[in-house]
Structures are given as structure tokens and as C-alpha cells.
Amino acid sequence: MAKSVFYSFHYERDVNRVQLVRNINALEAQPFLNAQNWEAVRRGGKSAIEKWISDEMAYKKAVIVLIGKETAGREWVNYEINKAWAERKPLLGVRIHGLSSFGAADSAGASPFSTASGIPVFDPTVKDYLGNIDTKATYKKLTENLEYWSGQGVVKP
């Protein structure tokens, strides 16, 4: 299992769900950037963002893409996927649309791994007997499996 990971995600839409993942404390990840700190990095331009990603990903054992409804196709998520692939870091995805953000689950999004086949994507989403997402059961399933899943990443051949 990878105890030290870099989380890749769509900040604006999924920051609350990502905070829930981080609160599990099963894995060591990069420091959490609040909105002010993220804006400070963004103001530095593309090179500042790339440097931040490079510095934070440098000593991580794996890269986990936290997949929400709009994660696929995001510029910086794609950059992080390609960087992980190029640096031969284990790569995997975990769907987070079933976690609560302000009391609501989201719908599933496309896989962001269209350019890299064979990357495992784990989905902890649990539905109730009516077919609705049970956010508490989803969080429990994620808590029980995140550490194990972190070791299932694939490295570019």
C-alpha cells in the first residue's frame, strides 16, 4: 500500500468531498491548499502551478485521482495524470461523487484516464433500497478500503 500519496482533483467542485477523504487520515498527502493559498499559487501562473505540483508530488509513493462529476478533462488533473505516468508513479482513481458535499451526493463523472488504459478506478458508492446514494455508507466503505486501494495503482509499462 502507498502510505504517501498525491491527490489530484477538481478543486472548485470537489474540495468539500476531498476534505472528507483527507479526514480519513489513512494516508499522508500533500498539504491542503485552502482557497486563498490556491489563488496565491494560481496568480503565479502556469510555471508556479507546475512547480507546486512537482514539489508536492516529488516524494509521494502514488497518485490518486479523486474522481467527481467534472474531474475528467480538467487541465491540471490531466497534467498530474501525465506527470505521474511519466515519473512511473503508481496511478489509480477513486470515485468521490457519492460523498456528501453540503448534504448532497453528486452524479458520477467520466473516467479521466482516457489516455492511459488499465488504470484501476475504485467506487465506494453505496445505494439504498430505493437506488439513492447513501453518503454515510459510502464514506464508511471508503474509510474501510482507501488504504488498501492506495496500493493497487498501476505504473506505466
C-alpha atoms as a PDB file:
ATOM      1  CA  MET A   1       0.000   0.000   0.000  1.00  0.00           C
ATOM      2  CA  ALA A   2       1.075   3.550  -0.672  1.00  0.00           C
ATOM      3  CA  LYS A   3       1.132   5.439   2.603  1.00  0.00           C
ATOM      4  CA  SER A   4       2.206   8.711   0.991  1.00  0.00           C
ATOM      5  CA  VAL A   5       0.045   9.902  -1.894  1.00  0.00           C
ATOM      6  CA  PHE A   6      -0.651  12.891  -4.073  1.00  0.00           C
ATOM      7  CA  TYR A   7      -4.372  13.603  -4.503  1.00  0.00           C
ATOM      8  CA  SER A   8      -5.413  15.001  -7.866  1.00  0.00           C
ATOM      9  CA  PHE A   9      -8.909  16.511  -8.101  1.00  0.00           C
ATOM     10  CA  HIS A  10     -11.088  19.304  -9.451  1.00  0.00           C
ATOM     11  CA  TYR A  11     -10.689  21.916  -6.733  1.00  0.00           C
ATOM     12  CA  GLU A  12     -13.701  24.178  -7.244  1.00  0.00           C
ATOM     13  CA  ARG A  13     -16.327  21.439  -7.467  1.00  0.00           C
ATOM     14  CA  ASP A  14     -14.953  18.777  -5.130  1.00  0.00           C
ATOM     15  CA  VAL A  15     -12.940  20.499  -2.411  1.00  0.00           C
ATOM     16  CA  ASN A  16     -15.502  19.585   0.286  1.00  0.00           C
ATOM     17  CA  ARG A  17     -15.545  15.917  -0.743  1.00  0.00           C
ATOM     18  CA  VAL A  18     -11.736  15.861  -0.856  1.00  0.00           C
ATOM     19  CA  GLN A  19     -11.617  17.241   2.666  1.00  0.00           C
ATOM     20  CA  LEU A  20     -13.709  14.232   3.778  1.00  0.00           C
ATOM     21  CA  VAL A  21     -11.190  11.901   2.112  1.00  0.00           C
ATOM     22  CA  ARG A  22      -8.302  13.659   3.835  1.00  0.00           C
ATOM     23  CA  ASN A  23     -10.109  13.427   7.191  1.00  0.00           C
ATOM     24  CA  ILE A  24      -9.935   9.634   6.987  1.00  0.00           C
ATOM     25  CA  ASN A  25      -6.223  10.019   7.849  1.00  0.00           C
ATOM     26  CA  ALA A  26      -5.361   6.640   6.347  1.00  0.00           C
ATOM     27  CA  LEU A  27      -2.753   8.181   4.053  1.00  0.00           C
ATOM     28  CA  GLU A  28      -0.256  11.018   4.132  1.00  0.00           C
ATOM     29  CA  ALA A  29      -0.969  13.523   1.358  1.00  0.00           C
ATOM     30  CA  GLN A  30       0.219  16.906   0.177  1.00  0.00           C
ATOM     31  CA  PRO A  31      -0.741  19.867   2.353  1.00  0.00           C
ATOM     32  CA  PHE A  32      -4.291  21.006   1.815  1.00  0.00           C
ATOM     33  CA  LEU A  33      -4.500  24.294  -0.042  1.00  0.00           C
ATOM     34  CA  ASN A  34      -7.366  26.452   1.108  1.00  0.00           C
ATOM     35  CA  ALA A  35      -8.943  28.787  -1.437  1.00  0.00           C
ATOM     36  CA  GLN A  36      -6.636  31.694  -0.556  1.00  0.00           C
ATOM     37  CA  ASN A  37      -3.449  29.627  -0.869  1.00  0.00           C
ATOM     38  CA  TRP A  38      -4.623  28.041  -4.134  1.00  0.00           C
ATOM     39  CA  GLU A  39      -5.322  31.510  -5.544  1.00  0.00           C
ATOM     40  CA  ALA A  40      -1.839  32.633  -4.479  1.00  0.00           C
ATOM     41  CA  VAL A  41      -0.287  29.728  -6.404  1.00  0.00           C
ATOM     42  CA  ARG A  42      -2.552  30.366  -9.410  1.00  0.00           C
ATOM     43  CA  ARG A  43      -1.598  34.041  -9.524  1.00  0.00           C
ATOM     44  CA  GLY A  44       1.990  32.915 -10.107  1.00  0.00           C
ATOM     45  CA  GLY A  45       0.902  31.493 -13.452  1.00  0.00           C
ATOM     46  CA  LYS A  46       1.415  28.179 -15.144  1.00  0.00           C
ATOM     47  CA  SER A  47       5.032  27.759 -14.067  1.00  0.00           C
ATOM     48  CA  ALA A  48       4.130  28.364 -10.402  1.00  0.00           C
ATOM     49  CA  ILE A  49       1.365  25.743 -10.566  1.00  0.00           C
ATOM     50  CA  GLU A  50       3.673  23.242 -12.257  1.00  0.00           C
ATOM     51  CA  LYS A  51       6.347  23.877  -9.614  1.00  0.00           C
ATOM     52  CA  TRP A  52       3.847  23.387  -6.777  1.00  0.00           C
ATOM     53  CA  ILE A  53       2.646  20.111  -8.317  1.00  0.00           C
ATOM     54  CA  SER A  54       6.221  18.935  -8.894  1.00  0.00           C
ATOM     55  CA  ASP A  55       7.306  19.808  -5.356  1.00  0.00           C
ATOM     56  CA  GLU A  56       4.276  18.137  -3.749  1.00  0.00           C
ATOM     57  CA  MET A  57       4.334  15.025  -5.947  1.00  0.00           C
ATOM     58  CA  ALA A  58       8.112  14.518  -5.665  1.00  0.00           C
ATOM     59  CA  TYR A  59       8.284  12.154  -2.703  1.00  0.00           C
ATOM     60  CA  LYS A  60       4.835  10.611  -2.907  1.00  0.00           C
ATOM     61  CA  LYS A  61       4.559   6.876  -3.489  1.00  0.00           C
ATOM     62  CA  ALA A  62       1.395   7.050  -5.611  1.00  0.00           C
ATOM     63  CA  VAL A  63      -1.062   9.422  -7.262  1.00  0.00           C
ATOM     64  CA  ILE A  64      -4.763   9.043  -6.545  1.00  0.00           C
ATOM     65  CA  VAL A  65      -7.192  10.894  -8.781  1.00  0.00           C
ATOM     66  CA  LEU A  66     -10.316  11.668  -6.766  1.00  0.00           C
ATOM     67  CA  ILE A  67     -12.994  11.480  -9.444  1.00  0.00           C
ATOM     68  CA  GLY A  68     -16.034  13.714  -9.218  1.00  0.00           C
ATOM     69  CA  LYS A  69     -18.643  14.692 -11.774  1.00  0.00           C
ATOM     70  CA  GLU A  70     -16.391  17.147 -13.651  1.00  0.00           C
ATOM     71  CA  THR A  71     -12.874  15.795 -12.981  1.00  0.00           C
ATOM     72  CA  ALA A  72     -12.267  14.305 -16.432  1.00  0.00           C
ATOM     73  CA  GLY A  73     -10.753  16.766 -18.854  1.00  0.00           C
ATOM     74  CA  ARG A  74      -9.608  19.302 -16.249  1.00  0.00           C
ATOM     75  CA  GLU A  75      -6.315  20.880 -17.318  1.00  0.00           C
ATOM     76  CA  TRP A  76      -4.417  20.343 -14.062  1.00  0.00           C
ATOM     77  CA  VAL A  77      -5.851  16.891 -13.420  1.00  0.00           C
ATOM     78  CA  ASN A  78      -4.640  15.872 -16.893  1.00  0.00           C
ATOM     79  CA  TYR A  79      -1.246  17.420 -16.170  1.00  0.00           C
ATOM     80  CA  GLU A  80      -0.977  15.492 -12.883  1.00  0.00           C
ATOM     81  CA  ILE A  81      -2.008  12.214 -14.546  1.00  0.00           C
ATOM     82  CA  ASN A  82       0.577  12.679 -17.298  1.00  0.00           C
ATOM     83  CA  LYS A  83       3.255  13.653 -14.763  1.00  0.00           C
ATOM     84  CA  ALA A  84       2.541  10.587 -12.624  1.00  0.00           C
ATOM     85  CA  TRP A  85       2.647   8.392 -15.726  1.00  0.00           C
ATOM     86  CA  ALA A  86       5.911   9.964 -16.937  1.00  0.00           C
ATOM     87  CA  GLU A  87       7.530   9.586 -13.499  1.00  0.00           C
ATOM     88  CA  ARG A  88       6.347   5.969 -13.241  1.00  0.00           C
ATOM     89  CA  LYS A  89       4.340   6.596 -10.089  1.00  0.00           C
ATOM     90  CA  PRO A  90       1.510   4.155  -9.378  1.00  0.00           C
ATOM     91  CA  LEU A  91      -1.743   5.738 -10.544  1.00  0.00           C
ATOM     92  CA  LEU A  92      -5.336   4.946  -9.614  1.00  0.00           C
ATOM     93  CA  GLY A  93      -8.723   6.592  -9.318  1.00  0.00           C
ATOM     94  CA  VAL A  94     -11.297   6.700  -6.546  1.00  0.00           C
ATOM     95  CA  ARG A  95     -14.796   7.955  -7.242  1.00  0.00           C
ATOM     96  CA  ILE A  96     -15.985  10.547  -4.721  1.00  0.00           C
ATOM     97  CA  HIS A  97     -19.326  11.664  -6.185  1.00  0.00           C
ATOM     98  CA  GLY A  98     -21.133   9.585  -3.537  1.00  0.00           C
ATOM     99  CA  LEU A  99     -19.677  11.573  -0.653  1.00  0.00           C
ATOM    100  CA  SER A 100     -21.710  14.374   0.861  1.00  0.00           C
ATOM    101  CA  SER A 101     -20.961  17.965  -0.077  1.00  0.00           C
ATOM    102  CA  PHE A 102     -23.241  20.311   1.840  1.00  0.00           C
ATOM    103  CA  GLY A 103     -25.618  17.394   2.415  1.00  0.00           C
ATOM    104  CA  ALA A 104     -25.867  16.152  -1.160  1.00  0.00           C
ATOM    105  CA  ALA A 105     -24.266  13.491  -3.301  1.00  0.00           C
ATOM    106  CA  ASP A 106     -23.456  14.152  -6.946  1.00  0.00           C
ATOM    107  CA  SER A 107     -23.765  12.103 -10.113  1.00  0.00           C
ATOM    108  CA  ALA A 108     -20.822  10.096 -11.411  1.00  0.00           C
ATOM    109  CA  GLY A 109     -18.460  11.650 -13.913  1.00  0.00           C
ATOM    110  CA  ALA A 110     -16.424  10.157 -16.729  1.00  0.00           C
ATOM    111  CA  SER A 111     -13.110   8.486 -16.046  1.00  0.00           C
ATOM    112  CA  PRO A 112     -10.196  10.902 -16.505  1.00  0.00           C
ATOM    113  CA  PHE A 113      -7.969   8.078 -17.737  1.00  0.00           C
ATOM    114  CA  SER A 114      -8.909   8.154 -21.418  1.00  0.00           C
ATOM    115  CA  THR A 115      -5.247   8.487 -22.449  1.00  0.00           C
ATOM    116  CA  ALA A 116      -3.994   5.720 -20.157  1.00  0.00           C
ATOM    117  CA  SER A 117      -5.711   2.349 -20.226  1.00  0.00           C
ATOM    118  CA  GLY A 118      -5.665  -0.191 -17.430  1.00  0.00           C
ATOM    119  CA  ILE A 119      -5.743   2.300 -14.560  1.00  0.00           C
ATOM    120  CA  PRO A 120      -7.956   0.912 -11.772  1.00  0.00           C
ATOM    121  CA  VAL A 121     -10.891   3.034 -10.639  1.00  0.00           C
ATOM    122  CA  PHE A 122     -12.470   2.167  -7.307  1.00  0.00           C
ATOM    123  CA  ASP A 123     -16.006   3.205  -6.467  1.00  0.00           C
ATOM    124  CA  PRO A 124     -17.126   3.149  -2.833  1.00  0.00           C
ATOM    125  CA  THR A 125     -20.613   4.421  -3.697  1.00  0.00           C
ATOM    126  CA  VAL A 126     -23.371   2.610  -1.796  1.00  0.00           C
ATOM    127  CA  LYS A 127     -27.036   2.926  -2.712  1.00  0.00           C
ATOM    128  CA  ASP A 128     -30.045   2.326  -0.512  1.00  0.00           C
ATOM    129  CA  TYR A 129     -33.017   0.103  -1.385  1.00  0.00           C
ATOM    130  CA  LEU A 130     -34.572   2.959  -3.401  1.00  0.00           C
ATOM    131  CA  GLY A 131     -31.445   3.411  -5.503  1.00  0.00           C
ATOM    132  CA  ASN A 132     -30.411   6.665  -3.842  1.00  0.00           C
ATOM    133  CA  ILE A 133     -26.807   7.216  -2.820  1.00  0.00           C
ATOM    134  CA  ASP A 134     -26.254   6.631   0.880  1.00  0.00           C
ATOM    135  CA  THR A 135     -23.496   9.162   1.634  1.00  0.00           C
ATOM    136  CA  LYS A 136     -22.806   7.819   5.127  1.00  0.00           C
ATOM    137  CA  ALA A 137     -22.445   4.216   3.929  1.00  0.00           C
ATOM    138  CA  THR A 138     -20.294   5.446   1.033  1.00  0.00           C
ATOM    139  CA  TYR A 139     -17.973   7.267   3.441  1.00  0.00           C
ATOM    140  CA  LYS A 140     -17.783   4.168   5.649  1.00  0.00           C
ATOM    141  CA  LYS A 141     -16.872   1.966   2.655  1.00  0.00           C
ATOM    142  CA  LEU A 142     -14.236   4.474   1.557  1.00  0.00           C
ATOM    143  CA  THR A 143     -12.797   4.583   5.081  1.00  0.00           C
ATOM    144  CA  GLU A 144     -12.560   0.786   5.161  1.00  0.00           C
ATOM    145  CA  ASN A 145     -10.871   0.485   1.749  1.00  0.00           C
ATOM    146  CA  LEU A 146      -8.824   3.609   0.960  1.00  0.00           C
ATOM    147  CA  GLU A 147      -5.569   2.389   2.440  1.00  0.00           C
ATOM    148  CA  TYR A 148      -5.796  -0.949   0.595  1.00  0.00           C
ATOM    149  CA  TRP A 149      -6.831   0.673  -2.686  1.00  0.00           C
ATOM    150  CA  SER A 150      -3.870   3.065  -2.461  1.00  0.00           C
ATOM    151  CA  GLY A 151      -1.565   0.118  -3.099  1.00  0.00           C
ATOM    152  CA  GLN A 152      -3.374  -1.015  -6.234  1.00  0.00           C
ATOM    153  CA  GLY A 153      -2.095   1.675  -8.590  1.00  0.00           C
ATOM    154  CA  VAL A 154      -0.638   0.862 -11.979  1.00  0.00           C
ATOM    155  CA  VAL A 155       2.726   2.077 -13.265  1.00  0.00           C
ATOM    156  CA  LYS A 156       3.299   2.849 -16.932  1.00  0.00           C
ATOM    157  CA  PRO A 157       4.893  -0.179 -18.586  1.00  0.00           C
END
